[in-house]
C-alpha atoms as a PDB file:
ATOM      1  CA  UNK A   1      63.333  -4.329-142.195  1.00  0.00           C
ATOM      2  CA  UNK A   2      65.822  -6.118-144.271  1.00  0.00           C
ATOM      3  CA  UNK A   3      63.904  -8.921-143.769  1.00  0.00           C
ATOM      4  CA  UNK A   4      60.979  -8.334-144.701  1.00  0.00           C
ATOM      5  CA  UNK A   5      62.406  -6.592-147.120  1.00  0.00           C
ATOM      6  CA  UNK A   6      64.195  -9.274-148.863  1.00  0.00           C
ATOM      7  CA  UNK A   7      60.946 -11.813-148.558  1.00  0.00           C
ATOM      8  CA  UNK A   8      59.298  -9.077-150.660  1.00  0.00           C
ATOM      9  CA  UNK A   9      61.580  -9.234-153.271  1.00  0.00           C
ATOM     10  CA  UNK A  10      60.738 -12.604-153.204  1.00  0.00           C
ATOM     11  CA  UNK A  11      57.646 -13.328-153.619  1.00  0.00           C
ATOM     12  CA  UNK A  12      57.575 -10.830-155.924  1.00  0.00           C
ATOM     13  CA  UNK A  13      59.997 -13.030-158.203  1.00  0.00           C
ATOM     14  CA  UNK A  14      58.033 -16.093-158.129  1.00  0.00           C
ATOM     15  CA  UNK A  15      54.780 -14.469-158.840  1.00  0.00           C
ATOM     16  CA  UNK A  16      56.782 -13.222-161.939  1.00  0.00           C
ATOM     17  CA  UNK A  17      57.891 -16.429-162.938  1.00  0.00           C
ATOM     18  CA  UNK A  18      54.474 -17.874-162.489  1.00  0.00           C
ATOM     19  CA  UNK A  19      52.837 -15.918-164.383  1.00  0.00           C
ATOM     20  CA  UNK A  20      54.164 -17.181-167.784  1.00  0.00           C
ATOM     21  CA  UNK A  21      52.605 -19.847-169.236  1.00  0.00           C
ATOM     22  CA  UNK A  22      53.764 -23.244-169.265  1.00  0.00           C
ATOM     23  CA  UNK A  23      51.882 -26.442-170.469  1.00  0.00           C
ATOM     24  CA  UNK A  24      51.794 -28.920-167.617  1.00  0.00           C
ATOM     25  CA  UNK A  25      51.615 -33.128-168.057  1.00  0.00           C
ATOM     26  CA  UNK A  26      52.041 -36.764-166.269  1.00  0.00           C
ATOM     27  CA  UNK A  27      53.640 -39.498-166.816  1.00  0.00           C
ATOM     28  CA  UNK A  28      53.843 -43.127-165.753  1.00  0.00           C
ATOM     29  CA  UNK A  29      56.939 -43.588-163.278  1.00  0.00           C
ATOM     30  CA  UNK A  30      57.847 -45.903-166.273  1.00  0.00           C
ATOM     31  CA  UNK A  31      57.372 -43.473-168.985  1.00  0.00           C
ATOM     32  CA  UNK A  32      59.298 -41.069-167.288  1.00  0.00           C
ATOM     33  CA  UNK A  33      63.338 -40.284-168.633  1.00  0.00           C
ATOM     34  CA  UNK A  34      64.620 -37.248-166.821  1.00  0.00           C
ATOM     35  CA  UNK A  35      64.322 -36.509-163.224  1.00  0.00           C
ATOM     36  CA  UNK A  36      65.539 -33.034-161.670  1.00  0.00           C
ATOM     37  CA  UNK A  37      66.033 -32.908-157.885  1.00  0.00           C
ATOM     38  CA  UNK A  38      66.253 -29.936-155.911  1.00  0.00           C
ATOM     39  CA  UNK A  39      67.642 -30.399-151.833  1.00  0.00           C
ATOM     40  CA  UNK A  40      69.133 -28.119-149.152  1.00  0.00           C
ATOM     41  CA  UNK A  41      72.818 -30.223-148.435  1.00  0.00           C
ATOM     42  CA  UNK A  42      72.546 -32.011-145.553  1.00  0.00           C
ATOM     43  CA  UNK A  43      74.504 -35.044-143.379  1.00  0.00           C
ATOM     44  CA  UNK A  44      76.202 -38.240-144.617  1.00  0.00           C
ATOM     45  CA  UNK A  45      73.231 -39.854-144.242  1.00  0.00           C
ATOM     46  CA  UNK A  46      70.015 -37.993-146.166  1.00  0.00           C
ATOM     47  CA  UNK A  47      72.814 -37.731-149.126  1.00  0.00           C
ATOM     48  CA  UNK A  48      73.472 -41.560-148.889  1.00  0.00           C
ATOM     49  CA  UNK A  49      69.398 -41.217-148.956  1.00  0.00           C
ATOM     50  CA  UNK A  50      69.655 -39.260-152.249  1.00  0.00           C
ATOM     51  CA  UNK A  51      72.495 -41.565-153.670  1.00  0.00           C
ATOM     52  CA  UNK A  52      70.694 -44.593-153.442  1.00  0.00           C
ATOM     53  CA  UNK A  53      67.329 -43.019-154.959  1.00  0.00           C
ATOM     54  CA  UNK A  54      70.004 -41.470-157.915  1.00  0.00           C
ATOM     55  CA  UNK A  55      71.314 -45.299-158.660  1.00  0.00           C
ATOM     56  CA  UNK A  56      67.756 -46.873-158.704  1.00  0.00           C
ATOM     57  CA  UNK A  57      66.884 -44.637-161.045  1.00  0.00           C
ATOM     58  CA  UNK A  58      70.072 -44.810-163.156  1.00  0.00           C
ATOM     59  CA  UNK A  59      69.729 -48.472-162.911  1.00  0.00           C
ATOM     60  CA  UNK A  60      66.522 -48.069-164.513  1.00  0.00           C
ATOM     61  CA  UNK A  61      68.062 -46.686-167.218  1.00  0.00           C
ATOM     62  CA  UNK A  62      66.328 -43.094-166.479  1.00  0.00           C
ATOM     63  CA  UNK A  63      68.408 -39.393-165.593  1.00  0.00           C
ATOM     64  CA  UNK A  64      68.705 -37.481-162.786  1.00  0.00           C
ATOM     65  CA  UNK A  65      69.957 -34.357-162.097  1.00  0.00           C
ATOM     66  CA  UNK A  66      70.733 -33.048-158.510  1.00  0.00           C
ATOM     67  CA  UNK A  67      70.723 -29.305-157.965  1.00  0.00           C
ATOM     68  CA  UNK A  68      71.645 -28.864-153.918  1.00  0.00           C
ATOM     69  CA  UNK A  69      71.862 -25.476-151.610  1.00  0.00           C
ATOM     70  CA  UNK A  70      74.523 -25.557-149.071  1.00  0.00           C
ATOM     71  CA  UNK A  71      74.301 -22.985-145.637  1.00  0.00           C
ATOM     72  CA  UNK A  72      77.427 -20.849-145.192  1.00  0.00           C
ATOM     73  CA  UNK A  73      77.724 -22.134-141.632  1.00  0.00           C
ATOM     74  CA  UNK A  74      76.978 -25.854-143.032  1.00  0.00           C
ATOM     75  CA  UNK A  75      79.909 -28.626-143.385  1.00  0.00           C
ATOM     76  CA  UNK A  76      79.907 -31.784-144.996  1.00  0.00           C
ATOM     77  CA  UNK A  77      82.476 -34.852-144.714  1.00  0.00           C
ATOM     78  CA  UNK A  78      81.692 -36.581-147.800  1.00  0.00           C
ATOM     79  CA  UNK A  79      82.253 -36.110-151.472  1.00  0.00           C
ATOM     80  CA  UNK A  80      79.216 -35.638-154.159  1.00  0.00           C
ATOM     81  CA  UNK A  81      80.048 -38.593-156.204  1.00  0.00           C
ATOM     82  CA  UNK A  82      77.580 -38.024-158.604  1.00  0.00           C
ATOM     83  CA  UNK A  83      78.866 -36.303-161.352  1.00  0.00           C
ATOM     84  CA  UNK A  84      74.526 -34.381-162.534  1.00  0.00           C
ATOM     85  CA  UNK A  85      75.738 -32.229-159.414  1.00  0.00           C
ATOM     86  CA  UNK A  86      75.190 -29.073-159.046  1.00  0.00           C
ATOM     87  CA  UNK A  87      76.235 -27.185-155.211  1.00  0.00           C
ATOM     88  CA  UNK A  88      75.172 -23.432-155.061  1.00  0.00           C
ATOM     89  CA  UNK A  89      77.036 -22.363-151.774  1.00  0.00           C
ATOM     90  CA  UNK A  90      75.487 -19.607-149.431  1.00  0.00           C
ATOM     91  CA  UNK A  91      77.873 -17.786-149.448  1.00  0.00           C
ATOM     92  CA  UNK A  92      79.732 -17.489-153.015  1.00  0.00           C
ATOM     93  CA  UNK A  93      76.569 -18.022-155.434  1.00  0.00           C
ATOM     94  CA  UNK A  94      74.103 -15.650-153.905  1.00  0.00           C
ATOM     95  CA  UNK A  95      73.106 -11.950-154.282  1.00  0.00           C
ATOM     96  CA  UNK A  96      71.649  -9.893-151.036  1.00  0.00           C
ATOM     97  CA  UNK A  97      67.890 -11.154-151.332  1.00  0.00           C
ATOM     98  CA  UNK A  98      69.570 -14.859-151.707  1.00  0.00           C
ATOM     99  CA  UNK A  99      68.749 -14.700-155.326  1.00  0.00           C
ATOM    100  CA  UNK A 100      71.257 -16.903-157.318  1.00  0.00           C
ATOM    101  CA  UNK A 101      73.746 -15.038-158.998  1.00  0.00           C
ATOM    102  CA  UNK A 102      74.008 -14.600-162.893  1.00  0.00           C
ATOM    103  CA  UNK A 103      75.300 -18.179-164.313  1.00  0.00           C
ATOM    104  CA  UNK A 104      75.468 -20.586-160.965  1.00  0.00           C
ATOM    105  CA  UNK A 105      72.327 -22.617-162.392  1.00  0.00           C
ATOM    106  CA  UNK A 106      72.645 -22.189-165.911  1.00  0.00           C
ATOM    107  CA  UNK A 107      73.566 -25.446-165.971  1.00  0.00           C
ATOM    108  CA  UNK A 108      70.833 -27.344-164.345  1.00  0.00           C
ATOM    109  CA  UNK A 109      68.020 -24.845-166.006  1.00  0.00           C
ATOM    110  CA  UNK A 110      69.335 -25.889-169.410  1.00  0.00           C
ATOM    111  CA  UNK A 111      67.865 -29.176-168.946  1.00  0.00           C
ATOM    112  CA  UNK A 112      64.007 -30.829-169.959  1.00  0.00           C
ATOM    113  CA  UNK A 113      63.169 -32.857-167.179  1.00  0.00           C
ATOM    114  CA  UNK A 114      59.714 -35.114-167.372  1.00  0.00           C
ATOM    115  CA  UNK A 115      59.451 -34.105-164.040  1.00  0.00           C
ATOM    116  CA  UNK A 116      61.393 -31.602-161.101  1.00  0.00           C
ATOM    117  CA  UNK A 117      61.146 -33.140-157.543  1.00  0.00           C
ATOM    118  CA  UNK A 118      61.547 -30.912-154.479  1.00  0.00           C
ATOM    119  CA  UNK A 119      63.012 -31.866-151.681  1.00  0.00           C
ATOM    120  CA  UNK A 120      63.842 -28.557-150.011  1.00  0.00           C
ATOM    121  CA  UNK A 121      61.649 -28.141-146.687  1.00  0.00           C
ATOM    122  CA  UNK A 122      59.619 -25.241-146.862  1.00  0.00           C
ATOM    123  CA  UNK A 123      59.395 -22.316-146.479  1.00  0.00           C
ATOM    124  CA  UNK A 124      62.538 -22.829-148.740  1.00  0.00           C
ATOM    125  CA  UNK A 125      63.047 -20.364-151.475  1.00  0.00           C
ATOM    126  CA  UNK A 126      65.679 -21.644-152.835  1.00  0.00           C
ATOM    127  CA  UNK A 127      63.751 -24.532-153.697  1.00  0.00           C
ATOM    128  CA  UNK A 128      60.770 -22.485-154.713  1.00  0.00           C
ATOM    129  CA  UNK A 129      63.085 -20.275-157.072  1.00  0.00           C
ATOM    130  CA  UNK A 130      64.741 -23.690-159.339  1.00  0.00           C
ATOM    131  CA  UNK A 131      61.749 -25.048-159.570  1.00  0.00           C
ATOM    132  CA  UNK A 132      59.232 -21.865-160.436  1.00  0.00           C
ATOM    133  CA  UNK A 133      62.338 -21.473-163.089  1.00  0.00           C
ATOM    134  CA  UNK A 134      62.878 -24.796-164.503  1.00  0.00           C
ATOM    135  CA  UNK A 135      61.712 -26.028-167.408  1.00  0.00           C
ATOM    136  CA  UNK A 136      60.057 -29.439-165.850  1.00  0.00           C
ATOM    137  CA  UNK A 137      56.797 -31.628-167.361  1.00  0.00           C
ATOM    138  CA  UNK A 138      55.538 -32.081-163.608  1.00  0.00           C
ATOM    139  CA  UNK A 139      57.038 -30.022-160.535  1.00  0.00           C
ATOM    140  CA  UNK A 140      56.641 -32.124-157.166  1.00  0.00           C
ATOM    141  CA  UNK A 141      56.898 -30.224-154.450  1.00  0.00           C
ATOM    142  CA  UNK A 142      55.855 -31.245-150.662  1.00  0.00           C
ATOM    143  CA  UNK A 143      53.466 -29.986-148.233  1.00  0.00           C
ATOM    144  CA  UNK A 144      53.336 -29.925-144.234  1.00  0.00           C
ATOM    145  CA  UNK A 145      49.380 -29.793-143.604  1.00  0.00           C
ATOM    146  CA  UNK A 146      50.815 -28.413-139.920  1.00  0.00           C
ATOM    147  CA  UNK A 147      53.025 -26.142-140.829  1.00  0.00           C
ATOM    148  CA  UNK A 148      50.539 -25.124-144.380  1.00  0.00           C
ATOM    149  CA  UNK A 149      50.446 -21.336-142.907  1.00  0.00           C
ATOM    150  CA  UNK A 150      54.356 -20.632-143.294  1.00  0.00           C
ATOM    151  CA  UNK A 151      54.482 -21.890-145.999  1.00  0.00           C
ATOM    152  CA  UNK A 152      54.091 -19.436-148.703  1.00  0.00           C
ATOM    153  CA  UNK A 153      53.197 -19.254-152.455  1.00  0.00           C
ATOM    154  CA  UNK A 154      53.282 -22.902-153.343  1.00  0.00           C
ATOM    155  CA  UNK A 155      51.558 -22.442-156.519  1.00  0.00           C
ATOM    156  CA  UNK A 156      55.143 -23.704-158.549  1.00  0.00           C
ATOM    157  CA  UNK A 157      54.441 -27.610-157.979  1.00  0.00           C
ATOM    158  CA  UNK A 158      51.733 -28.816-160.550  1.00  0.00           C
ATOM    159  CA  UNK A 159      51.372 -31.557-157.713  1.00  0.00           C
ATOM    160  CA  UNK A 160      52.366 -31.064-153.440  1.00  0.00           C
ATOM    161  CA  UNK A 161      52.690 -34.674-151.532  1.00  0.00           C
ATOM    162  CA  UNK A 162      51.000 -34.190-148.193  1.00  0.00           C
ATOM    163  CA  UNK A 163      51.650 -34.660-144.424  1.00  0.00           C
ATOM    164  CA  UNK A 164      51.101 -34.129-141.548  1.00  0.00           C
ATOM    165  CA  UNK A 165      55.226 -33.913-140.155  1.00  0.00           C
ATOM    166  CA  UNK A 166      58.250 -32.635-141.686  1.00  0.00           C
ATOM    167  CA  UNK A 167      59.512 -34.216-144.757  1.00  0.00           C
ATOM    168  CA  UNK A 168      61.022 -37.709-145.114  1.00  0.00           C
ATOM    169  CA  UNK A 169      62.937 -37.942-148.408  1.00  0.00           C
ATOM    170  CA  UNK A 170      62.219 -42.355-148.657  1.00  0.00           C
ATOM    171  CA  UNK A 171      58.786 -41.595-147.817  1.00  0.00           C
ATOM    172  CA  UNK A 172      58.395 -38.436-150.296  1.00  0.00           C
ATOM    173  CA  UNK A 173      59.969 -40.296-153.364  1.00  0.00           C
ATOM    174  CA  UNK A 174      58.125 -43.552-152.314  1.00  0.00           C
ATOM    175  CA  UNK A 175      54.765 -41.586-152.588  1.00  0.00           C
ATOM    176  CA  UNK A 176      55.618 -39.862-155.267  1.00  0.00           C
ATOM    177  CA  UNK A 177      56.263 -43.156-157.782  1.00  0.00           C
ATOM    178  CA  UNK A 178      53.698 -44.635-155.975  1.00  0.00           C
ATOM    179  CA  UNK A 179      50.996 -41.893-157.557  1.00  0.00           C
ATOM    180  CA  UNK A 180      53.045 -41.732-160.794  1.00  0.00           C
ATOM    181  CA  UNK A 181      52.670 -45.804-161.102  1.00  0.00           C
ATOM    182  CA  UNK A 182      49.068 -45.519-161.404  1.00  0.00           C
ATOM    183  CA  UNK A 183      48.548 -42.854-163.940  1.00  0.00           C
ATOM    184  CA  UNK A 184      47.456 -44.054-167.258  1.00  0.00           C
ATOM    185  CA  UNK A 185      49.712 -45.271-169.644  1.00  0.00           C
ATOM    186  CA  UNK A 186      47.887 -44.348-173.469  1.00  0.00           C
ATOM    187  CA  UNK A 187      46.838 -47.942-175.056  1.00  0.00           C
ATOM    188  CA  UNK A 188      48.165 -46.886-178.195  1.00  0.00           C
ATOM    189  CA  UNK A 189      52.506 -46.664-179.316  1.00  0.00           C
ATOM    190  CA  UNK A 190      52.210 -42.810-179.497  1.00  0.00           C
ATOM    191  CA  UNK A 191      53.436 -40.636-176.895  1.00  0.00           C
ATOM    192  CA  UNK A 192      49.881 -39.110-176.002  1.00  0.00           C
ATOM    193  CA  UNK A 193      50.187 -37.896-172.522  1.00  0.00           C
ATOM    194  CA  UNK A 194      47.808 -37.070-169.327  1.00  0.00           C
ATOM    195  CA  UNK A 195      47.184 -33.264-169.415  1.00  0.00           C
ATOM    196  CA  UNK A 196      47.458 -32.036-166.076  1.00  0.00           C
END
C-alpha cells in the first residue's frame, strides 16, 4: 500500500513538472558544449566507461556534469575522479517519497545543458525526476521495447533511443552521437538551431 502511495506522489510530481512549457532544440553533436549525464552508481567497469566518455568529450572542449544515484545497499570500491560529479545517496539525500531533499541536486540543476542524457535503466524515478527538472535544450532517454509497459511516463524525453534489450551504455552513447552528427548545421554563421 505504501509503495502505491509513493508511486502516485512521484508520478504526480513528474506530471506537474512536465506541465511547464519549455523550448526544445537539437544541435549537431559538434555544436554541443555542455552535457549533463544522469546515471546509477554501478561497478568500476561501468564507471570506467562513463569516465572514458567524459574524457573524450572534454578533450573536444565540451563540459560534462554528472549526477548519480547510489542505492543504500550498494558499496563502491573506487573513487569518482571527475570534479563535476554529484552523488546522491539513497539513505541520506532523499525523503520518504524518494524525492531529493532540499539543496541536494541544486548544483546540478543550476547548470544549463545543450543536451541532458539519462543513462538510468527504466523505470527509474531518479533519472526521470532529474531529467524533468533540468534546464536542457535536448533531453535524451533510453526505452527498452521489451519493457515499455513497465517504463511509466516517458514524456520528459525529447528523444528516446529504443532497443529491444536492456541499455548498454557504450551502444546508447554511440547511437546518440550518431543521430546528432546527422543534424544539419546552419549554413550561415548565426546561431540558428533546428527546433524539435
